[in-house]
Amino acid sequence: MAEQQQLVTFQLGEELYGINIMDVKEIVHVQTIRAIPNAPSYVEGIFNLRSEIIPIINLHKRFHLRKLAESEEDELLSGFVILDIDGMKLGVIIDRVSRVVTIEKEDIQPPPQMVAGIGAEYIQGVVRQEHGYLVILGIRDLFNPKELQKIVGLNA
């Protein structure tokens, strides 16, 4: 029996990305973000989610991606993917949430060296789809543990 992986997919700029569903806590609509002084440039700020302070990461800034030109529909589908990485919660800004997909592990190809400015070290693999590719992000590889502690510690 083939192994499968469920991914939450979303759009960042022109590309479609996926994150392992086990790392996703929830998806929320855009909220008011409060800026944090002296935070890394890609840390957009923090927001309050049911009395929990969550740092928000802007992957557009982290990887120098162009934002999707937004229509009203995109605005309704944009927001934050709230991740739980080893008990540390953080949000990632997305242009447009797509859907949950099930991928056969055998369909995952090794990543090319560079995908839209994102280095191969952050990508678990790529799946060819009808309209291009789905890039699977290794969310735990996006931030090294020290960096993650620093980001999560910003709201302390």
Foldseek 3Di string as FASTA:
>chain_A
DFDKFKWFWAAFAPAIETEGPVFFPAWDAADDFDQFPPAPPQFRHWDADPNDIATEGEVCVVQVADGHPDDVVQNVFWGWGWGQDPNQIHTYTGSGTDGMDMDGPVQWAQDDQDDRRDGSQQWRGWGQDPVGIYTYGPVCRSADPVRSCVRSVSVD
